């Protein structure tokens, strides 16, 4: 089964590619506090549906380029600038 993740579009300036930031919270080993981290991935957007600040859902795919390993499934909500 392929993984599905949800994140925010941080760049849509490339052709058929979007940059998506996926936030996560990690517990610090020493202090025990929770720290906000983010994973950045490139996703294939064939129809140029997603715009900057949109919340999108991605699914794993075969390698499409050197760094692109995800495909856009749908736009969950439109972003407000």
PDB file of N, CA and C in Angstrom:
ATOM      1  N   UNK A   1       0.841  -1.183   0.000  1.00  0.00           N
ATOM      2  CA  UNK A   1       0.000   0.000   0.000  1.00  0.00           C
ATOM      3  C   UNK A   1       0.881   1.239   0.000  1.00  0.00           C
ATOM      4  N   UNK A   2       0.504   2.211  -0.805  1.00  0.00           N
ATOM      5  CA  UNK A   2       1.290   3.423  -0.931  1.00  0.00           C
ATOM      6  C   UNK A   2       0.921   4.419   0.160  1.00  0.00           C
ATOM      7  N   UNK A   3       1.931   5.133   0.653  1.00  0.00           N
ATOM      8  CA  UNK A   3       1.703   6.122   1.701  1.00  0.00           C
ATOM      9  C   UNK A   3       0.999   7.343   1.148  1.00  0.00           C
ATOM     10  N   UNK A   4       0.166   7.969   1.973  1.00  0.00           N
ATOM     11  CA  UNK A   4      -0.500   9.219   1.638  1.00  0.00           C
ATOM     12  C   UNK A   4      -0.166  10.224   2.725  1.00  0.00           C
ATOM     13  N   UNK A   5       0.196  11.432   2.305  1.00  0.00           N
ATOM     14  CA  UNK A   5       0.534  12.498   3.249  1.00  0.00           C
ATOM     15  C   UNK A   5      -0.188  13.775   2.840  1.00  0.00           C
ATOM     16  N   UNK A   6      -0.329  14.666   3.808  1.00  0.00           N
ATOM     17  CA  UNK A   6      -0.967  15.955   3.560  1.00  0.00           C
ATOM     18  C   UNK A   6      -0.001  17.058   3.957  1.00  0.00           C
ATOM     19  N   UNK A   7       0.113  18.069   3.102  1.00  0.00           N
ATOM     20  CA  UNK A   7       1.022  19.169   3.383  1.00  0.00           C
ATOM     21  C   UNK A   7       0.607  20.441   2.680  1.00  0.00           C
ATOM     22  N   UNK A   8       1.421  21.483   2.868  1.00  0.00           N
ATOM     23  CA  UNK A   8       1.138  22.806   2.299  1.00  0.00           C
ATOM     24  C   UNK A   8       2.122  23.086   1.162  1.00  0.00           C
ATOM     25  N   UNK A   9       1.609  23.623   0.059  1.00  0.00           N
ATOM     26  CA  UNK A   9       2.446  23.969  -1.086  1.00  0.00           C
ATOM     27  C   UNK A   9       3.260  25.217  -0.747  1.00  0.00           C
ATOM     28  N   UNK A  10       4.593  25.107  -0.874  1.00  0.00           N
ATOM     29  CA  UNK A  10       5.457  26.236  -0.578  1.00  0.00           C
ATOM     30  C   UNK A  10       6.074  26.834  -1.838  1.00  0.00           C
ATOM     31  N   UNK A  11       5.960  26.128  -2.976  1.00  0.00           N
ATOM     32  CA  UNK A  11       6.443  26.673  -4.243  1.00  0.00           C
ATOM     33  C   UNK A  11       5.721  25.989  -5.391  1.00  0.00           C
ATOM     34  N   UNK A  12       5.300  26.792  -6.365  1.00  0.00           N
ATOM     35  CA  UNK A  12       4.657  26.233  -7.561  1.00  0.00           C
ATOM     36  C   UNK A  12       5.258  26.851  -8.824  1.00  0.00           C
ATOM     37  N   UNK A  13       6.505  27.277  -8.745  1.00  0.00           N
ATOM     38  CA  UNK A  13       7.147  27.979  -9.853  1.00  0.00           C
ATOM     39  C   UNK A  13       7.716  27.043 -10.914  1.00  0.00           C
ATOM     40  N   UNK A  14       7.821  25.753 -10.617  1.00  0.00           N
ATOM     41  CA  UNK A  14       8.350  24.800 -11.586  1.00  0.00           C
ATOM     42  C   UNK A  14       7.237  24.299 -12.500  1.00  0.00           C
ATOM     43  N   UNK A  15       7.617  23.747 -13.636  1.00  0.00           N
ATOM     44  CA  UNK A  15       6.636  23.200 -14.567  1.00  0.00           C
ATOM     45  C   UNK A  15       6.238  21.803 -14.102  1.00  0.00           C
ATOM     46  N   UNK A  16       4.939  21.604 -13.832  1.00  0.00           N
ATOM     47  CA  UNK A  16       4.371  20.304 -13.438  1.00  0.00           C
ATOM     48  C   UNK A  16       4.964  19.753 -12.148  1.00  0.00           C
ATOM     49  N   UNK A  17       5.543  20.614 -11.317  1.00  0.00           N
ATOM     50  CA  UNK A  17       6.128  20.192 -10.052  1.00  0.00           C
ATOM     51  C   UNK A  17       5.771  21.197  -8.973  1.00  0.00           C
ATOM     52  N   UNK A  18       5.443  20.686  -7.784  1.00  0.00           N
ATOM     53  CA  UNK A  18       5.189  21.548  -6.638  1.00  0.00           C
ATOM     54  C   UNK A  18       6.091  21.121  -5.490  1.00  0.00           C
ATOM     55  N   UNK A  19       6.430  22.086  -4.644  1.00  0.00           N
ATOM     56  CA  UNK A  19       7.219  21.802  -3.440  1.00  0.00           C
ATOM     57  C   UNK A  19       6.255  21.829  -2.271  1.00  0.00           C
ATOM     58  N   UNK A  20       6.210  20.743  -1.505  1.00  0.00           N
ATOM     59  CA  UNK A  20       5.246  20.597  -0.420  1.00  0.00           C
ATOM     60  C   UNK A  20       5.983  20.426   0.901  1.00  0.00           C
ATOM     61  N   UNK A  21       5.532  21.170   1.899  1.00  0.00           N
ATOM     62  CA  UNK A  21       6.084  21.086   3.242  1.00  0.00           C
ATOM     63  C   UNK A  21       5.119  20.294   4.121  1.00  0.00           C
ATOM     64  N   UNK A  22       5.625  19.231   4.751  1.00  0.00           N
ATOM     65  CA  UNK A  22       4.803  18.365   5.597  1.00  0.00           C
ATOM     66  C   UNK A  22       5.255  18.535   7.044  1.00  0.00           C
ATOM     67  N   UNK A  23       4.433  19.187   7.884  1.00  0.00           N
ATOM     68  CA  UNK A  23       4.852  19.416   9.275  1.00  0.00           C
ATOM     69  C   UNK A  23       4.733  18.154  10.133  1.00  0.00           C
ATOM     70  N   UNK A  24       5.606  18.067  11.132  1.00  0.00           N
ATOM     71  CA  UNK A  24       5.547  16.967  12.093  1.00  0.00           C
ATOM     72  C   UNK A  24       6.098  17.458  13.420  1.00  0.00           C
ATOM     73  N   UNK A  25       5.743  16.776  14.504  1.00  0.00           N
ATOM     74  CA  UNK A  25       6.216  17.157  15.838  1.00  0.00           C
ATOM     75  C   UNK A  25       7.046  16.015  16.392  1.00  0.00           C
ATOM     76  N   UNK A  26       8.259  16.372  16.860  1.00  0.00           N
ATOM     77  CA  UNK A  26       9.217  15.387  17.354  1.00  0.00           C
ATOM     78  C   UNK A  26       9.560  15.720  18.795  1.00  0.00           C
ATOM     79  N   UNK A  27       9.632  14.696  19.619  1.00  0.00           N
ATOM     80  CA  UNK A  27       9.994  14.906  21.018  1.00  0.00           C
ATOM     81  C   UNK A  27      11.515  14.926  21.161  1.00  0.00           C
ATOM     82  N   UNK A  28      12.031  15.984  21.799  1.00  0.00           N
ATOM     83  CA  UNK A  28      13.461  16.107  22.030  1.00  0.00           C
ATOM     84  C   UNK A  28      13.893  15.090  23.073  1.00  0.00           C
ATOM     85  N   UNK A  29      14.991  14.390  22.805  1.00  0.00           N
ATOM     86  CA  UNK A  29      15.437  13.324  23.709  1.00  0.00           C
ATOM     87  C   UNK A  29      15.939  13.849  25.047  1.00  0.00           C
ATOM     88  N   UNK A  30      16.561  15.014  25.050  1.00  0.00           N
ATOM     89  CA  UNK A  30      17.157  15.535  26.278  1.00  0.00           C
ATOM     90  C   UNK A  30      16.137  16.297  27.118  1.00  0.00           C
ATOM     91  N   UNK A  31      15.461  17.268  26.541  1.00  0.00           N
ATOM     92  CA  UNK A  31      14.551  18.116  27.309  1.00  0.00           C
ATOM     93  C   UNK A  31      13.140  17.546  27.417  1.00  0.00           C
ATOM     94  N   UNK A  32      12.762  16.685  26.483  1.00  0.00           N
ATOM     95  CA  UNK A  32      11.411  16.127  26.505  1.00  0.00           C
ATOM     96  C   UNK A  32      10.367  17.036  25.879  1.00  0.00           C
ATOM     97  N   UNK A  33      10.798  18.206  25.386  1.00  0.00           N
ATOM     98  CA  UNK A  33       9.865  19.130  24.752  1.00  0.00           C
ATOM     99  C   UNK A  33       9.592  18.688  23.312  1.00  0.00           C
ATOM    100  N   UNK A  34       8.430  19.090  22.806  1.00  0.00           N
ATOM    101  CA  UNK A  34       8.085  18.787  21.429  1.00  0.00           C
ATOM    102  C   UNK A  34       8.571  19.911  20.526  1.00  0.00           C
ATOM    103  N   UNK A  35       9.220  19.527  19.431  1.00  0.00           N
ATOM    104  CA  UNK A  35       9.788  20.476  18.482  1.00  0.00           C
ATOM    105  C   UNK A  35       9.080  20.312  17.147  1.00  0.00           C
ATOM    106  N   UNK A  36       8.772  21.429  16.498  1.00  0.00           N
ATOM    107  CA  UNK A  36       8.140  21.388  15.180  1.00  0.00           C
ATOM    108  C   UNK A  36       9.210  21.236  14.113  1.00  0.00           C
ATOM    109  N   UNK A  37       9.076  20.220  13.299  1.00  0.00           N
ATOM    110  CA  UNK A  37       9.975  19.985  12.173  1.00  0.00           C
ATOM    111  C   UNK A  37       9.131  19.886  10.912  1.00  0.00           C
ATOM    112  N   UNK A  38       9.776  19.943   9.770  1.00  0.00           N
ATOM    113  CA  UNK A  38       9.027  19.775   8.535  1.00  0.00           C
ATOM    114  C   UNK A  38       9.846  18.985   7.526  1.00  0.00           C
ATOM    115  N   UNK A  39       9.157  18.154   6.772  1.00  0.00           N
ATOM    116  CA  UNK A  39       9.750  17.400   5.698  1.00  0.00           C
ATOM    117  C   UNK A  39       9.345  18.080   4.399  1.00  0.00           C
ATOM    118  N   UNK A  40      10.303  18.293   3.521  1.00  0.00           N
ATOM    119  CA  UNK A  40      10.028  18.944   2.241  1.00  0.00           C
ATOM    120  C   UNK A  40      10.171  17.910   1.138  1.00  0.00           C
ATOM    121  N   UNK A  41       9.173  17.839   0.257  1.00  0.00           N
ATOM    122  CA  UNK A  41       9.248  16.910  -0.859  1.00  0.00           C
ATOM    123  C   UNK A  41       8.720  17.572  -2.121  1.00  0.00           C
ATOM    124  N   UNK A  42       9.163  17.052  -3.254  1.00  0.00           N
ATOM    125  CA  UNK A  42       8.709  17.531  -4.549  1.00  0.00           C
ATOM    126  C   UNK A  42       7.663  16.556  -5.075  1.00  0.00           C
ATOM    127  N   UNK A  43       6.592  17.093  -5.645  1.00  0.00           N
ATOM    128  CA  UNK A  43       5.490  16.257  -6.119  1.00  0.00           C
ATOM    129  C   UNK A  43       5.129  16.627  -7.551  1.00  0.00           C
ATOM    130  N   UNK A  44       4.668  15.634  -8.284  1.00  0.00           N
ATOM    131  CA  UNK A  44       4.261  15.820  -9.678  1.00  0.00           C
ATOM    132  C   UNK A  44       2.830  16.337  -9.728  1.00  0.00           C
ATOM    133  N   UNK A  45       2.639  17.443 -10.431  1.00  0.00           N
ATOM    134  CA  UNK A  45       1.314  18.063 -10.599  1.00  0.00           C
ATOM    135  C   UNK A  45       1.079  18.231 -12.098  1.00  0.00           C
ATOM    136  N   UNK A  46       0.549  17.202 -12.736  1.00  0.00           N
ATOM    137  CA  UNK A  46       0.407  17.161 -14.191  1.00  0.00           C
ATOM    138  C   UNK A  46      -0.440  18.297 -14.747  1.00  0.00           C
ATOM    139  N   UNK A  47      -1.555  18.607 -14.094  1.00  0.00           N
ATOM    140  CA  UNK A  47      -2.505  19.596 -14.623  1.00  0.00           C
ATOM    141  C   UNK A  47      -2.337  20.991 -14.017  1.00  0.00           C
ATOM    142  N   UNK A  48      -1.304  21.198 -13.209  1.00  0.00           N
ATOM    143  CA  UNK A  48      -1.069  22.476 -12.538  1.00  0.00           C
ATOM    144  C   UNK A  48      -2.293  22.917 -11.728  1.00  0.00           C
ATOM    145  N   UNK A  49      -2.838  22.005 -10.928  1.00  0.00           N
ATOM    146  CA  UNK A  49      -4.028  22.279 -10.117  1.00  0.00           C
ATOM    147  C   UNK A  49      -3.693  23.065  -8.860  1.00  0.00           C
ATOM    148  N   UNK A  50      -2.564  22.757  -8.246  1.00  0.00           N
ATOM    149  CA  UNK A  50      -2.226  23.337  -6.946  1.00  0.00           C
ATOM    150  C   UNK A  50      -1.544  24.687  -7.102  1.00  0.00           C
ATOM    151  N   UNK A  51      -1.861  25.596  -6.201  1.00  0.00           N
ATOM    152  CA  UNK A  51      -1.243  26.912  -6.151  1.00  0.00           C
ATOM    153  C   UNK A  51      -0.541  27.086  -4.815  1.00  0.00           C
ATOM    154  N   UNK A  52       0.151  28.196  -4.677  1.00  0.00           N
ATOM    155  CA  UNK A  52       0.889  28.491  -3.460  1.00  0.00           C
ATOM    156  C   UNK A  52      -0.050  28.541  -2.255  1.00  0.00           C
ATOM    157  N   UNK A  53       0.358  27.969  -1.143  1.00  0.00           N
ATOM    158  CA  UNK A  53      -0.348  27.918   0.149  1.00  0.00           C
ATOM    159  C   UNK A  53      -1.548  26.965   0.177  1.00  0.00           C
ATOM    160  N   UNK A  54      -1.792  26.194  -0.865  1.00  0.00           N
ATOM    161  CA  UNK A  54      -2.877  25.210  -0.842  1.00  0.00           C
ATOM    162  C   UNK A  54      -2.493  24.027   0.042  1.00  0.00           C
ATOM    163  N   UNK A  55      -3.491  23.405   0.654  1.00  0.00           N
ATOM    164  CA  UNK A  55      -3.288  22.160   1.379  1.00  0.00           C
ATOM    165  C   UNK A  55      -3.574  21.035   0.391  1.00  0.00           C
ATOM    166  N   UNK A  56      -2.610  20.127   0.201  1.00  0.00           N
ATOM    167  CA  UNK A  56      -2.738  19.085  -0.808  1.00  0.00           C
ATOM    168  C   UNK A  56      -2.484  17.706  -0.208  1.00  0.00           C
ATOM    169  N   UNK A  57      -3.005  16.696  -0.878  1.00  0.00           N
ATOM    170  CA  UNK A  57      -2.775  15.308  -0.492  1.00  0.00           C
ATOM    171  C   UNK A  57      -1.903  14.662  -1.555  1.00  0.00           C
ATOM    172  N   UNK A  58      -0.842  13.967  -1.103  1.00  0.00           N
ATOM    173  CA  UNK A  58       0.107  13.324  -2.006  1.00  0.00           C
ATOM    174  C   UNK A  58       0.113  11.824  -1.786  1.00  0.00           C
ATOM    175  N   UNK A  59       0.523  11.091  -2.824  1.00  0.00           N
ATOM    176  CA  UNK A  59       0.681   9.650  -2.729  1.00  0.00           C
ATOM    177  C   UNK A  59       2.053   9.284  -3.296  1.00  0.00           C
ATOM    178  N   UNK A  60       2.663   8.244  -2.726  1.00  0.00           N
ATOM    179  CA  UNK A  60       3.964   7.784  -3.196  1.00  0.00           C
ATOM    180  C   UNK A  60       3.884   7.313  -4.642  1.00  0.00           C
ATOM    181  N   UNK A  61       4.973   7.491  -5.375  1.00  0.00           N
ATOM    182  CA  UNK A  61       5.017   7.002  -6.754  1.00  0.00           C
ATOM    183  C   UNK A  61       6.425   6.506  -7.068  1.00  0.00           C
ATOM    184  N   UNK A  62       6.589   6.031  -8.270  1.00  0.00           N
ATOM    185  CA  UNK A  62       7.922   5.623  -8.708  1.00  0.00           C
ATOM    186  C   UNK A  62       8.780   6.881  -8.855  1.00  0.00           C
ATOM    187  N   UNK A  63      10.094   6.762  -8.881  1.00  0.00           N
ATOM    188  CA  UNK A  63      10.932   7.939  -9.079  1.00  0.00           C
ATOM    189  C   UNK A  63      10.666   8.592 -10.429  1.00  0.00           C
ATOM    190  N   UNK A  64      10.273   9.862 -10.404  1.00  0.00           N
ATOM    191  CA  UNK A  64       9.984  10.602 -11.627  1.00  0.00           C
ATOM    192  C   UNK A  64      11.155  11.478 -12.060  1.00  0.00           C
ATOM    193  N   UNK A  65      12.027  11.818 -11.124  1.00  0.00           N
ATOM    194  CA  UNK A  65      13.247  12.563 -11.416  1.00  0.00           C
ATOM    195  C   UNK A  65      14.196  12.328 -10.251  1.00  0.00           C
ATOM    196  N   UNK A  66      15.249  13.118 -10.162  1.00  0.00           N
ATOM    197  CA  UNK A  66      16.248  12.915  -9.110  1.00  0.00           C
ATOM    198  C   UNK A  66      15.644  13.031  -7.709  1.00  0.00           C
ATOM    199  N   UNK A  67      14.760  14.025  -7.492  1.00  0.00           N
ATOM    200  CA  UNK A  67      14.188  14.254  -6.158  1.00  0.00           C
ATOM    201  C   UNK A  67      12.686  14.053  -6.083  1.00  0.00           C
ATOM    202  N   UNK A  68      12.019  13.863  -7.207  1.00  0.00           N
ATOM    203  CA  UNK A  68      10.553  13.806  -7.224  1.00  0.00           C
ATOM    204  C   UNK A  68      10.078  12.367  -7.063  1.00  0.00           C
ATOM    205  N   UNK A  69       9.379  12.084  -5.935  1.00  0.00           N
ATOM    206  CA  UNK A  69       8.912  10.732  -5.622  1.00  0.00           C
ATOM    207  C   UNK A  69       7.441  10.688  -5.229  1.00  0.00           C
ATOM    208  N   UNK A  70       6.720  11.793  -5.408  1.00  0.00           N
ATOM    209  CA  UNK A  70       5.329  11.882  -4.984  1.00  0.00           C
ATOM    210  C   UNK A  70       4.461  12.402  -6.132  1.00  0.00           C
ATOM    211  N   UNK A  71       3.164  12.103  -6.073  1.00  0.00           N
ATOM    212  CA  UNK A  71       2.202  12.611  -7.052  1.00  0.00           C
ATOM    213  C   UNK A  71       1.050  13.273  -6.314  1.00  0.00           C
ATOM    214  N   UNK A  72       0.517  14.310  -6.902  1.00  0.00           N
ATOM    215  CA  UNK A  72      -0.629  15.019  -6.332  1.00  0.00           C
ATOM    216  C   UNK A  72      -1.892  14.185  -6.525  1.00  0.00           C
ATOM    217  N   UNK A  73      -2.640  13.981  -5.437  1.00  0.00           N
ATOM    218  CA  UNK A  73      -3.915  13.260  -5.512  1.00  0.00           C
ATOM    219  C   UNK A  73      -5.053  14.256  -5.646  1.00  0.00           C
ATOM    220  N   UNK A  74      -5.091  15.228  -4.723  1.00  0.00           N
ATOM    221  CA  UNK A  74      -6.161  16.226  -4.749  1.00  0.00           C
ATOM    222  C   UNK A  74      -5.751  17.438  -3.938  1.00  0.00           C
ATOM    223  N   UNK A  75      -6.440  18.534  -4.214  1.00  0.00           N
ATOM    224  CA  UNK A  75      -6.268  19.758  -3.422  1.00  0.00           C
ATOM    225  C   UNK A  75      -7.315  19.723  -2.337  1.00  0.00           C
ATOM    226  N   UNK A  76      -6.899  19.646  -1.084  1.00  0.00           N
ATOM    227  CA  UNK A  76      -7.837  19.558   0.045  1.00  0.00           C
ATOM    228  C   UNK A  76      -8.528  20.881   0.270  1.00  0.00           C
ATOM    229  N   UNK A  77      -7.744  21.966   0.324  1.00  0.00           N
ATOM    230  CA  UNK A  77      -8.347  23.297   0.480  1.00  0.00           C
ATOM    231  C   UNK A  77      -7.443  24.330  -0.175  1.00  0.00           C
ATOM    232  N   UNK A  78      -8.061  25.394  -0.636  1.00  0.00           N
ATOM    233  CA  UNK A  78      -7.339  26.477  -1.290  1.00  0.00           C
ATOM    234  C   UNK A  78      -6.709  27.372  -0.231  1.00  0.00           C
ATOM    235  N   UNK A  79      -5.500  27.835  -0.511  1.00  0.00           N
ATOM    236  CA  UNK A  79      -4.769  28.653   0.445  1.00  0.00           C
ATOM    237  C   UNK A  79      -5.153  30.115   0.366  1.00  0.00           C
ATOM    238  N   UNK A  80      -4.996  30.794   1.494  1.00  0.00           N
ATOM    239  CA  UNK A  80      -5.228  32.222   1.583  1.00  0.00           C
ATOM    240  C   UNK A  80      -3.886  32.900   1.775  1.00  0.00           C
ATOM    241  N   UNK A  81      -3.600  33.883   0.964  1.00  0.00           N
ATOM    242  CA  UNK A  81      -2.289  34.551   1.048  1.00  0.00           C
ATOM    243  C   UNK A  81      -2.227  35.562   2.139  1.00  0.00           C
TER     244      UNK A  81
END
